[in-house]
Amino acid sequence: MPEGDTLARIAVALRPHLRGRVVTAARARLPGPRVSQIIGQPVTEVEAAGKNLLIRFGNGLELRTHLGLHGSWHRYRPGEPWRRAASRAALVLEVPGAVAVCFDAPVVELFETRAEVVHPTLSSMGPDLAAPDFDAAEAVRRIADPAGAARDIAEALLDQRSVAGIGNVFKSEILFIERVDPFATVSSLDTATIERLVDTARALLVSNTRSGAPAGRMTTLDPRSGARLAPTRLWVYDRAGRPCHRCGTAIRAIAQGTDLPRTTYWCPSCQAPVGAAVTSAAS
């Protein structure tokens, strides 16, 4: 699933081609929003909000797309062949000089911008890690909320109501970098540990949204030292059974979570539960 850094890059890529231009044609997969209401309207803003892309228009309407597991945004020149089948297009926006197509997105909705404050997803979203005004203290407060104290920390990091932008890849990477057991309950972690997790999450997402960042996630960059591990891009994600880059222990993977189980990758030595005996395959 695309994470906050991916959506921020999409917004940066689409913004110069959409903002300030008038929509000449628009269509959405049926059943869907009545996007004919934005034809003839200028695009006033294109921005990311966590894992959502928001496109606002001059008449006070706003489009929200969420890419889910398989969605993506493409930009084409008028008349240029699409790289995916037209039947997969969930939303198409045409402006002078550009065609923006959102493929395979499970969520495409149109609403009034003023309704953001009561929108069931946007209004409850936690601080956006990629936002310039990111509020780290508020993110820590939401993660550590006593109402969710019994949650595993891996599940808490994925909760967009606590902090927006972390997906399954960054979840596993952040916990590994900070040597935190993904199955530790929130209540078992002190404030300093949660602050470290939030700081590392922020550093990774910002690093991946910087100008010139490659399309692939460069999450093997240590946010403190800047050291990169070759040849892999990632510390633990999608590396089950392979040796840990730190200690050589085989990386493990298991489905974690109740509402929507997601695969967690971790090193059982580097991220051993507090108080557990630690062994490794390398000295």
C-alpha atoms as a PDB file:
ATOM      1  CA  MET A   1       0.000   0.000   0.000  1.00  0.00           C
ATOM      2  CA  PRO A   2       1.434   3.428  -0.914  1.00  0.00           C
ATOM      3  CA  GLU A   3       2.564   5.278   2.194  1.00  0.00           C
ATOM      4  CA  GLY A   4       2.752   8.935   3.114  1.00  0.00           C
ATOM      5  CA  ASP A   5       6.003   9.569   1.246  1.00  0.00           C
ATOM      6  CA  THR A   6       4.552   8.129  -1.969  1.00  0.00           C
ATOM      7  CA  LEU A   7       1.463  10.354  -1.754  1.00  0.00           C
ATOM      8  CA  ALA A   8       3.620  13.404  -1.094  1.00  0.00           C
ATOM      9  CA  ARG A   9       5.679  12.639  -4.199  1.00  0.00           C
ATOM     10  CA  ILE A  10       2.493  12.155  -6.249  1.00  0.00           C
ATOM     11  CA  ALA A  11       1.235  15.560  -5.120  1.00  0.00           C
ATOM     12  CA  VAL A  12       4.547  17.176  -6.076  1.00  0.00           C
ATOM     13  CA  ALA A  13       4.484  15.471  -9.490  1.00  0.00           C
ATOM     14  CA  LEU A  14       0.880  16.379 -10.340  1.00  0.00           C
ATOM     15  CA  ARG A  15       0.746  19.880  -8.884  1.00  0.00           C
ATOM     16  CA  PRO A  16       2.557  21.799 -11.672  1.00  0.00           C
ATOM     17  CA  HIS A  17       0.410  20.115 -14.332  1.00  0.00           C
ATOM     18  CA  LEU A  18      -2.962  20.622 -12.614  1.00  0.00           C
ATOM     19  CA  ARG A  19      -2.876  23.640 -10.331  1.00  0.00           C
ATOM     20  CA  GLY A  20      -4.186  26.768 -11.962  1.00  0.00           C
ATOM     21  CA  ARG A  21      -5.575  24.921 -14.990  1.00  0.00           C
ATOM     22  CA  VAL A  22      -9.255  24.525 -15.831  1.00  0.00           C
ATOM     23  CA  VAL A  23     -10.764  21.041 -15.958  1.00  0.00           C
ATOM     24  CA  THR A  24     -11.933  20.388 -19.519  1.00  0.00           C
ATOM     25  CA  ALA A  25     -13.187  16.818 -18.946  1.00  0.00           C
ATOM     26  CA  ALA A  26     -13.658  14.521 -15.965  1.00  0.00           C
ATOM     27  CA  ARG A  27     -15.059  11.069 -15.477  1.00  0.00           C
ATOM     28  CA  ALA A  28     -15.137   8.506 -12.707  1.00  0.00           C
ATOM     29  CA  ARG A  29     -15.899   4.810 -12.533  1.00  0.00           C
ATOM     30  CA  LEU A  30     -19.577   4.164 -11.947  1.00  0.00           C
ATOM     31  CA  PRO A  31     -21.048   4.126  -9.405  1.00  0.00           C
ATOM     32  CA  GLY A  32     -19.001   7.091  -8.315  1.00  0.00           C
ATOM     33  CA  PRO A  33     -18.995  10.821  -7.639  1.00  0.00           C
ATOM     34  CA  ARG A  34     -20.641  13.255 -10.055  1.00  0.00           C
ATOM     35  CA  VAL A  35     -17.360  14.694 -11.291  1.00  0.00           C
ATOM     36  CA  SER A  36     -19.155  16.603 -14.038  1.00  0.00           C
ATOM     37  CA  GLN A  37     -19.537  19.290 -11.341  1.00  0.00           C
ATOM     38  CA  ILE A  38     -15.834  20.165 -11.608  1.00  0.00           C
ATOM     39  CA  ILE A  39     -15.726  20.572 -15.392  1.00  0.00           C
ATOM     40  CA  GLY A  40     -14.972  24.199 -16.182  1.00  0.00           C
ATOM     41  CA  GLN A  41     -13.458  24.759 -12.743  1.00  0.00           C
ATOM     42  CA  PRO A  42      -9.816  25.655 -12.039  1.00  0.00           C
ATOM     43  CA  VAL A  43      -7.725  23.351  -9.890  1.00  0.00           C
ATOM     44  CA  THR A  44      -6.722  25.416  -6.870  1.00  0.00           C
ATOM     45  CA  GLU A  45      -4.598  22.900  -4.953  1.00  0.00           C
ATOM     46  CA  VAL A  46      -3.133  19.412  -5.079  1.00  0.00           C
ATOM     47  CA  GLU A  47      -1.826  18.080  -1.783  1.00  0.00           C
ATOM     48  CA  ALA A  48      -1.254  14.925   0.197  1.00  0.00           C
ATOM     49  CA  ALA A  49      -2.806  14.293   3.588  1.00  0.00           C
ATOM     50  CA  GLY A  50      -1.363  11.122   5.041  1.00  0.00           C
ATOM     51  CA  LYS A  51      -2.265   8.384   2.546  1.00  0.00           C
ATOM     52  CA  ASN A  52      -4.878  10.574   0.809  1.00  0.00           C
ATOM     53  CA  LEU A  53      -4.510  12.790  -2.240  1.00  0.00           C
ATOM     54  CA  LEU A  54      -6.700  15.895  -2.167  1.00  0.00           C
ATOM     55  CA  ILE A  55      -7.481  17.952  -5.270  1.00  0.00           C
ATOM     56  CA  ARG A  56      -9.438  21.163  -4.695  1.00  0.00           C
ATOM     57  CA  PHE A  57     -11.381  23.247  -7.205  1.00  0.00           C
ATOM     58  CA  GLY A  58     -12.487  26.823  -7.610  1.00  0.00           C
ATOM     59  CA  ASN A  59     -16.150  26.109  -6.841  1.00  0.00           C
ATOM     60  CA  GLY A  60     -15.368  24.830  -3.343  1.00  0.00           C
ATOM     61  CA  LEU A  61     -15.450  21.139  -4.221  1.00  0.00           C
ATOM     62  CA  GLU A  62     -12.715  18.657  -3.431  1.00  0.00           C
ATOM     63  CA  LEU A  63     -11.732  15.204  -4.670  1.00  0.00           C
ATOM     64  CA  ARG A  64     -10.212  12.646  -2.304  1.00  0.00           C
ATOM     65  CA  THR A  65      -8.549   9.498  -3.542  1.00  0.00           C
ATOM     66  CA  HIS A  66      -7.091   6.690  -1.450  1.00  0.00           C
ATOM     67  CA  LEU A  67      -4.973   4.215  -3.378  1.00  0.00           C
ATOM     68  CA  GLY A  68      -5.503   1.197  -1.169  1.00  0.00           C
ATOM     69  CA  LEU A  69      -3.154  -1.700  -1.951  1.00  0.00           C
ATOM     70  CA  HIS A  70      -2.925  -1.424  -5.723  1.00  0.00           C
ATOM     71  CA  GLY A  71      -3.884   2.102  -6.793  1.00  0.00           C
ATOM     72  CA  SER A  72      -1.643   4.582  -8.583  1.00  0.00           C
ATOM     73  CA  TRP A  73      -1.704   7.967 -10.295  1.00  0.00           C
ATOM     74  CA  HIS A  74      -0.343   8.490 -13.826  1.00  0.00           C
ATOM     75  CA  ARG A  75       0.095  11.651 -15.859  1.00  0.00           C
ATOM     76  CA  TYR A  76      -0.030  11.636 -19.664  1.00  0.00           C
ATOM     77  CA  ARG A  77       0.142  14.141 -22.471  1.00  0.00           C
ATOM     78  CA  PRO A  78      -3.118  14.496 -24.412  1.00  0.00           C
ATOM     79  CA  GLY A  79      -3.354  11.618 -26.865  1.00  0.00           C
ATOM     80  CA  GLU A  80      -0.499   9.654 -25.287  1.00  0.00           C
ATOM     81  CA  PRO A  81      -1.235   5.909 -24.862  1.00  0.00           C
ATOM     82  CA  TRP A  82      -1.945   4.822 -21.295  1.00  0.00           C
ATOM     83  CA  ARG A  83       0.260   2.214 -19.666  1.00  0.00           C
ATOM     84  CA  ARG A  84      -2.760   0.496 -18.107  1.00  0.00           C
ATOM     85  CA  ALA A  85      -6.156  -0.567 -19.427  1.00  0.00           C
ATOM     86  CA  ALA A  86      -8.810   2.157 -19.506  1.00  0.00           C
ATOM     87  CA  SER A  87     -11.142  -0.207 -17.639  1.00  0.00           C
ATOM     88  CA  ARG A  88      -8.882   0.160 -14.596  1.00  0.00           C
ATOM     89  CA  ALA A  89      -9.267   3.943 -14.470  1.00  0.00           C
ATOM     90  CA  ALA A  90     -11.152   4.986 -11.334  1.00  0.00           C
ATOM     91  CA  LEU A  91     -10.835   8.714 -12.133  1.00  0.00           C
ATOM     92  CA  VAL A  92      -9.728  10.725 -15.161  1.00  0.00           C
ATOM     93  CA  LEU A  93      -9.068  14.476 -15.104  1.00  0.00           C
ATOM     94  CA  GLU A  94      -8.213  16.399 -18.262  1.00  0.00           C
ATOM     95  CA  VAL A  95      -6.776  19.902 -18.280  1.00  0.00           C
ATOM     96  CA  PRO A  96      -4.974  21.795 -21.046  1.00  0.00           C
ATOM     97  CA  GLY A  97      -1.717  19.964 -21.682  1.00  0.00           C
ATOM     98  CA  ALA A  98      -2.222  17.023 -19.317  1.00  0.00           C
ATOM     99  CA  VAL A  99      -4.368  14.022 -18.479  1.00  0.00           C
ATOM    100  CA  ALA A 100      -4.233  12.708 -14.886  1.00  0.00           C
ATOM    101  CA  VAL A 101      -5.496   9.157 -14.392  1.00  0.00           C
ATOM    102  CA  CYS A 102      -6.017   7.370 -11.093  1.00  0.00           C
ATOM    103  CA  PHE A 103      -5.962   3.604 -11.621  1.00  0.00           C
ATOM    104  CA  ASP A 104      -7.378   0.908  -9.347  1.00  0.00           C
ATOM    105  CA  ALA A 105      -8.169   3.218  -6.431  1.00  0.00           C
ATOM    106  CA  PRO A 106     -10.882   1.836  -4.122  1.00  0.00           C
ATOM    107  CA  VAL A 107     -11.802   5.328  -2.879  1.00  0.00           C
ATOM    108  CA  VAL A 108     -12.751   8.289  -5.070  1.00  0.00           C
ATOM    109  CA  GLU A 109     -15.107  10.809  -3.530  1.00  0.00           C
ATOM    110  CA  LEU A 110     -16.214  14.364  -4.190  1.00  0.00           C
ATOM    111  CA  PHE A 111     -17.373  16.690  -1.408  1.00  0.00           C
ATOM    112  CA  GLU A 112     -17.303  20.318  -0.331  1.00  0.00           C
ATOM    113  CA  THR A 113     -13.942  21.456   1.015  1.00  0.00           C
ATOM    114  CA  ARG A 114     -15.636  23.072   3.978  1.00  0.00           C
ATOM    115  CA  ALA A 115     -16.804  19.591   5.029  1.00  0.00           C
ATOM    116  CA  GLU A 116     -13.223  18.473   5.758  1.00  0.00           C
ATOM    117  CA  VAL A 117     -13.729  19.326   9.421  1.00  0.00           C
ATOM    118  CA  VAL A 118     -16.481  16.710   9.704  1.00  0.00           C
ATOM    119  CA  HIS A 119     -15.191  14.227   7.130  1.00  0.00           C
ATOM    120  CA  PRO A 120     -15.088  10.767   8.786  1.00  0.00           C
ATOM    121  CA  THR A 121     -11.521  10.102   7.599  1.00  0.00           C
ATOM    122  CA  LEU A 122      -9.859  13.495   7.290  1.00  0.00           C
ATOM    123  CA  SER A 123     -11.230  15.018  10.489  1.00  0.00           C
ATOM    124  CA  SER A 124      -9.973  12.150  12.646  1.00  0.00           C
ATOM    125  CA  MET A 125      -6.550  11.869  11.016  1.00  0.00           C
ATOM    126  CA  GLY A 126      -3.501  12.301  13.212  1.00  0.00           C
ATOM    127  CA  PRO A 127      -0.595  14.655  12.485  1.00  0.00           C
ATOM    128  CA  ASP A 128       0.776  14.148   8.971  1.00  0.00           C
ATOM    129  CA  LEU A 129       4.411  13.037   9.092  1.00  0.00           C
ATOM    130  CA  ALA A 130       5.189  14.648   5.743  1.00  0.00           C
ATOM    131  CA  ALA A 131       3.609  18.022   6.592  1.00  0.00           C
ATOM    132  CA  PRO A 132       5.903  21.009   7.220  1.00  0.00           C
ATOM    133  CA  ASP A 133       3.993  21.791  10.432  1.00  0.00           C
ATOM    134  CA  PHE A 134       4.054  18.214  11.756  1.00  0.00           C
ATOM    135  CA  ASP A 135       3.184  18.165  15.472  1.00  0.00           C
ATOM    136  CA  ALA A 136       5.378  15.444  16.990  1.00  0.00           C
ATOM    137  CA  ALA A 137       4.098  16.004  20.530  1.00  0.00           C
ATOM    138  CA  GLU A 138       0.506  15.482  19.405  1.00  0.00           C
ATOM    139  CA  ALA A 139       1.477  12.311  17.538  1.00  0.00           C
ATOM    140  CA  VAL A 140       3.158  10.925  20.666  1.00  0.00           C
ATOM    141  CA  ARG A 141       0.118  11.846  22.740  1.00  0.00           C
ATOM    142  CA  ARG A 142      -2.241  10.041  20.373  1.00  0.00           C
ATOM    143  CA  ILE A 143      -0.107   6.907  20.163  1.00  0.00           C
ATOM    144  CA  ALA A 144       0.229   6.781  23.949  1.00  0.00           C
ATOM    145  CA  ASP A 145      -3.472   7.455  24.575  1.00  0.00           C
ATOM    146  CA  PRO A 146      -4.578   5.205  27.460  1.00  0.00           C
ATOM    147  CA  ALA A 147      -7.595   4.132  25.399  1.00  0.00           C
ATOM    148  CA  GLY A 148      -5.235   2.229  23.135  1.00  0.00           C
ATOM    149  CA  ALA A 149      -2.686   1.166  25.713  1.00  0.00           C
ATOM    150  CA  ALA A 150      -3.306  -2.559  25.151  1.00  0.00           C
ATOM    151  CA  ARG A 151      -2.509  -2.363  21.432  1.00  0.00           C
ATOM    152  CA  ASP A 152       0.712  -3.753  20.019  1.00  0.00           C
ATOM    153  CA  ILE A 153       2.972  -0.876  19.039  1.00  0.00           C
ATOM    154  CA  ALA A 154       3.073  -2.151  15.432  1.00  0.00           C
ATOM    155  CA  GLU A 155      -0.705  -1.782  15.199  1.00  0.00           C
ATOM    156  CA  ALA A 156      -0.613   1.630  16.866  1.00  0.00           C
ATOM    157  CA  LEU A 157       1.845   2.962  14.280  1.00  0.00           C
ATOM    158  CA  LEU A 158      -0.488   1.942  11.451  1.00  0.00           C
ATOM    159  CA  ASP A 159      -3.461   3.753  12.988  1.00  0.00           C
ATOM    160  CA  GLN A 160      -3.871   6.874  10.841  1.00  0.00           C
ATOM    161  CA  ARG A 161      -5.888   8.468  13.647  1.00  0.00           C
ATOM    162  CA  SER A 162      -2.709   8.553  15.730  1.00  0.00           C
ATOM    163  CA  VAL A 163      -0.156   9.585  13.133  1.00  0.00           C
ATOM    164  CA  ALA A 164      -0.753   9.813   9.387  1.00  0.00           C
ATOM    165  CA  GLY A 165       1.551   8.429   6.744  1.00  0.00           C
ATOM    166  CA  ILE A 166       2.974   5.170   8.134  1.00  0.00           C
ATOM    167  CA  GLY A 167       2.225   2.032   6.155  1.00  0.00           C
ATOM    168  CA  ASN A 168       3.320  -1.549   6.529  1.00  0.00           C
ATOM    169  CA  VAL A 169       6.808  -1.052   5.091  1.00  0.00           C
ATOM    170  CA  PHE A 170       7.731   1.863   7.310  1.00  0.00           C
ATOM    171  CA  LYS A 171       6.117   0.200  10.323  1.00  0.00           C
ATOM    172  CA  SER A 172       8.555  -2.701  10.187  1.00  0.00           C
ATOM    173  CA  GLU A 173      11.545  -0.524   9.265  1.00  0.00           C
ATOM    174  CA  ILE A 174      10.966   2.022  12.042  1.00  0.00           C
ATOM    175  CA  LEU A 175      10.608  -0.621  14.730  1.00  0.00           C
ATOM    176  CA  PHE A 176      13.783  -2.371  13.568  1.00  0.00           C
ATOM    177  CA  ILE A 177      15.847   0.818  13.477  1.00  0.00           C
ATOM    178  CA  GLU A 178      14.778   1.639  17.042  1.00  0.00           C
ATOM    179  CA  ARG A 179      15.172  -2.003  18.214  1.00  0.00           C
ATOM    180  CA  VAL A 180      11.585  -2.162  19.470  1.00  0.00           C
ATOM    181  CA  ASP A 181       9.667  -5.437  19.738  1.00  0.00           C
ATOM    182  CA  PRO A 182       6.675  -5.043  17.361  1.00  0.00           C
ATOM    183  CA  PHE A 183       4.506  -7.067  19.760  1.00  0.00           C
ATOM    184  CA  ALA A 184       5.206  -4.866  22.780  1.00  0.00           C
ATOM    185  CA  THR A 185       2.063  -3.175  24.040  1.00  0.00           C
ATOM    186  CA  VAL A 186       1.919   0.602  23.948  1.00  0.00           C
ATOM    187  CA  SER A 187       1.571   0.649  27.730  1.00  0.00           C
ATOM    188  CA  SER A 188       4.890  -1.200  28.123  1.00  0.00           C
ATOM    189  CA  LEU A 189       6.850   1.512  26.304  1.00  0.00           C
ATOM    190  CA  ASP A 190       8.060   4.696  27.940  1.00  0.00           C
ATOM    191  CA  THR A 191       7.492   8.115  26.420  1.00  0.00           C
ATOM    192  CA  ALA A 192      11.102   8.400  25.271  1.00  0.00           C
ATOM    193  CA  THR A 193      10.764   5.244  23.163  1.00  0.00           C
ATOM    194  CA  ILE A 194       7.551   6.439  21.511  1.00  0.00           C
ATOM    195  CA  GLU A 195       9.221   9.798  20.830  1.00  0.00           C
ATOM    196  CA  ARG A 196      12.117   7.994  19.117  1.00  0.00           C
ATOM    197  CA  LEU A 197       9.708   6.031  16.949  1.00  0.00           C
ATOM    198  CA  VAL A 198       7.893   9.204  15.892  1.00  0.00           C
ATOM    199  CA  ASP A 199      11.165  11.044  15.204  1.00  0.00           C
ATOM    200  CA  THR A 200      12.467   8.173  13.074  1.00  0.00           C
ATOM    201  CA  ALA A 201       9.181   7.898  11.183  1.00  0.00           C
ATOM    202  CA  ARG A 202       9.317  11.602  10.427  1.00  0.00           C
ATOM    203  CA  ALA A 203      12.957  11.400   9.297  1.00  0.00           C
ATOM    204  CA  LEU A 204      12.300   8.457   6.965  1.00  0.00           C
ATOM    205  CA  LEU A 205       9.231   9.966   5.317  1.00  0.00           C
ATOM    206  CA  VAL A 206      10.825  13.375   4.845  1.00  0.00           C
ATOM    207  CA  SER A 207      13.940  11.732   3.393  1.00  0.00           C
ATOM    208  CA  ASN A 208      11.785   9.876   0.887  1.00  0.00           C
ATOM    209  CA  THR A 209       9.851  12.974  -0.176  1.00  0.00           C
ATOM    210  CA  ARG A 210      12.853  15.228  -0.710  1.00  0.00           C
ATOM    211  CA  SER A 211      13.442  16.720  -4.135  1.00  0.00           C
ATOM    212  CA  GLY A 212      15.174  14.233  -6.378  1.00  0.00           C
ATOM    213  CA  ALA A 213      14.399  11.204  -4.219  1.00  0.00           C
ATOM    214  CA  PRO A 214      14.145   8.058  -6.349  1.00  0.00           C
ATOM    215  CA  ALA A 215      10.818   6.305  -6.789  1.00  0.00           C
ATOM    216  CA  GLY A 216      11.914   3.334  -4.670  1.00  0.00           C
ATOM    217  CA  ARG A 217      11.882   3.658  -0.918  1.00  0.00           C
ATOM    218  CA  MET A 218      15.379   4.316   0.429  1.00  0.00           C
ATOM    219  CA  THR A 219      14.511   3.294   3.962  1.00  0.00           C
ATOM    220  CA  THR A 220      17.853   1.610   4.562  1.00  0.00           C
ATOM    221  CA  LEU A 221      19.203   5.085   5.201  1.00  0.00           C
ATOM    222  CA  ASP A 222      19.824   5.407   8.917  1.00  0.00           C
ATOM    223  CA  PRO A 223      18.100   8.673   9.932  1.00  0.00           C
ATOM    224  CA  ARG A 224      20.942   9.499  12.336  1.00  0.00           C
ATOM    225  CA  SER A 225      24.154   8.377  10.639  1.00  0.00           C
ATOM    226  CA  GLY A 226      23.012   8.415   7.027  1.00  0.00           C
ATOM    227  CA  ALA A 227      24.622   5.004   6.531  1.00  0.00           C
ATOM    228  CA  ARG A 228      23.181   2.848   3.767  1.00  0.00           C
ATOM    229  CA  LEU A 229      23.253  -0.928   3.556  1.00  0.00           C
ATOM    230  CA  ALA A 230      23.912  -2.585   0.204  1.00  0.00           C
ATOM    231  CA  PRO A 231      22.625  -4.360  -1.748  1.00  0.00           C
ATOM    232  CA  THR A 232      19.132  -4.193  -0.268  1.00  0.00           C
ATOM    233  CA  ARG A 233      16.971  -1.090   0.106  1.00  0.00           C
ATOM    234  CA  LEU A 234      15.295  -2.231   3.301  1.00  0.00           C
ATOM    235  CA  TRP A 235      16.382  -3.481   6.706  1.00  0.00           C
ATOM    236  CA  VAL A 236      13.740  -6.142   7.355  1.00  0.00           C
ATOM    237  CA  TYR A 237      10.639  -5.663   5.215  1.00  0.00           C
ATOM    238  CA  ASP A 238      10.057  -8.538   2.765  1.00  0.00           C
ATOM    239  CA  ARG A 239      13.274 -10.230   3.955  1.00  0.00           C
ATOM    240  CA  ALA A 240      11.792 -13.169   5.899  1.00  0.00           C
ATOM    241  CA  GLY A 241      14.323 -15.969   6.306  1.00  0.00           C
ATOM    242  CA  ARG A 242      17.260 -13.787   5.272  1.00  0.00           C
ATOM    243  CA  PRO A 243      20.006 -12.764   7.721  1.00  0.00           C
ATOM    244  CA  CYS A 244      19.612  -9.596   9.739  1.00  0.00           C
ATOM    245  CA  HIS A 245      21.989  -6.877   8.533  1.00  0.00           C
ATOM    246  CA  ARG A 246      23.014  -6.230  12.139  1.00  0.00           C
ATOM    247  CA  CYS A 247      23.383  -9.624  13.764  1.00  0.00           C
ATOM    248  CA  GLY A 248      22.843 -12.335  11.175  1.00  0.00           C
ATOM    249  CA  THR A 249      19.729 -13.815  12.803  1.00  0.00           C
ATOM    250  CA  ALA A 250      17.050 -14.895  10.322  1.00  0.00           C
ATOM    251  CA  ILE A 251      14.358 -12.250   9.841  1.00  0.00           C
ATOM    252  CA  ARG A 252      10.899 -13.475  10.773  1.00  0.00           C
ATOM    253  CA  ALA A 253       7.461 -12.550   9.449  1.00  0.00           C
ATOM    254  CA  ILE A 254       3.949 -13.071  10.769  1.00  0.00           C
ATOM    255  CA  ALA A 255       0.481 -11.606  10.239  1.00  0.00           C
ATOM    256  CA  GLN A 256      -0.262  -9.147  13.022  1.00  0.00           C
ATOM    257  CA  GLY A 257      -3.422  -7.270  13.908  1.00  0.00           C
ATOM    258  CA  THR A 258      -7.085  -8.016  14.435  1.00  0.00           C
ATOM    259  CA  ASP A 259      -9.190  -5.769  12.187  1.00  0.00           C
ATOM    260  CA  LEU A 260      -6.932  -5.949   9.135  1.00  0.00           C
ATOM    261  CA  PRO A 261      -3.948  -8.269   9.751  1.00  0.00           C
ATOM    262  CA  ARG A 262      -0.748  -7.067   8.063  1.00  0.00           C
ATOM    263  CA  THR A 263       2.568  -8.875   7.806  1.00  0.00           C
ATOM    264  CA  THR A 264       5.180  -7.704  10.285  1.00  0.00           C
ATOM    265  CA  TYR A 265       8.881  -8.336   9.620  1.00  0.00           C
ATOM    266  CA  TRP A 266      11.345  -8.221  12.502  1.00  0.00           C
ATOM    267  CA  CYS A 267      14.621  -9.541  13.877  1.00  0.00           C
ATOM    268  CA  PRO A 268      13.951 -11.706  16.961  1.00  0.00           C
ATOM    269  CA  SER A 269      17.402 -10.847  18.358  1.00  0.00           C
ATOM    270  CA  CYS A 270      17.698  -7.111  17.670  1.00  0.00           C
ATOM    271  CA  GLN A 271      14.056  -6.615  18.650  1.00  0.00           C
ATOM    272  CA  ALA A 272      13.780  -9.119  21.468  1.00  0.00           C
ATOM    273  CA  PRO A 273      11.129  -8.401  24.105  1.00  0.00           C
ATOM    274  CA  VAL A 274      12.452  -6.468  27.070  1.00  0.00           C
ATOM    275  CA  GLY A 275      13.976  -8.901  29.566  1.00  0.00           C
ATOM    276  CA  ALA A 276      14.181 -11.790  27.092  1.00  0.00           C
ATOM    277  CA  ALA A 277      17.386 -13.698  26.526  1.00  0.00           C
ATOM    278  CA  VAL A 278      19.047 -12.514  23.295  1.00  0.00           C
ATOM    279  CA  THR A 279      20.975 -14.791  20.948  1.00  0.00           C
ATOM    280  CA  SER A 280      22.282 -14.044  17.487  1.00  0.00           C
ATOM    281  CA  ALA A 281      23.886 -15.817  14.588  1.00  0.00           C
ATOM    282  CA  ALA A 282      26.768 -13.344  14.453  1.00  0.00           C
ATOM    283  CA  SER A 283      28.950 -11.846  17.119  1.00  0.00           C
END
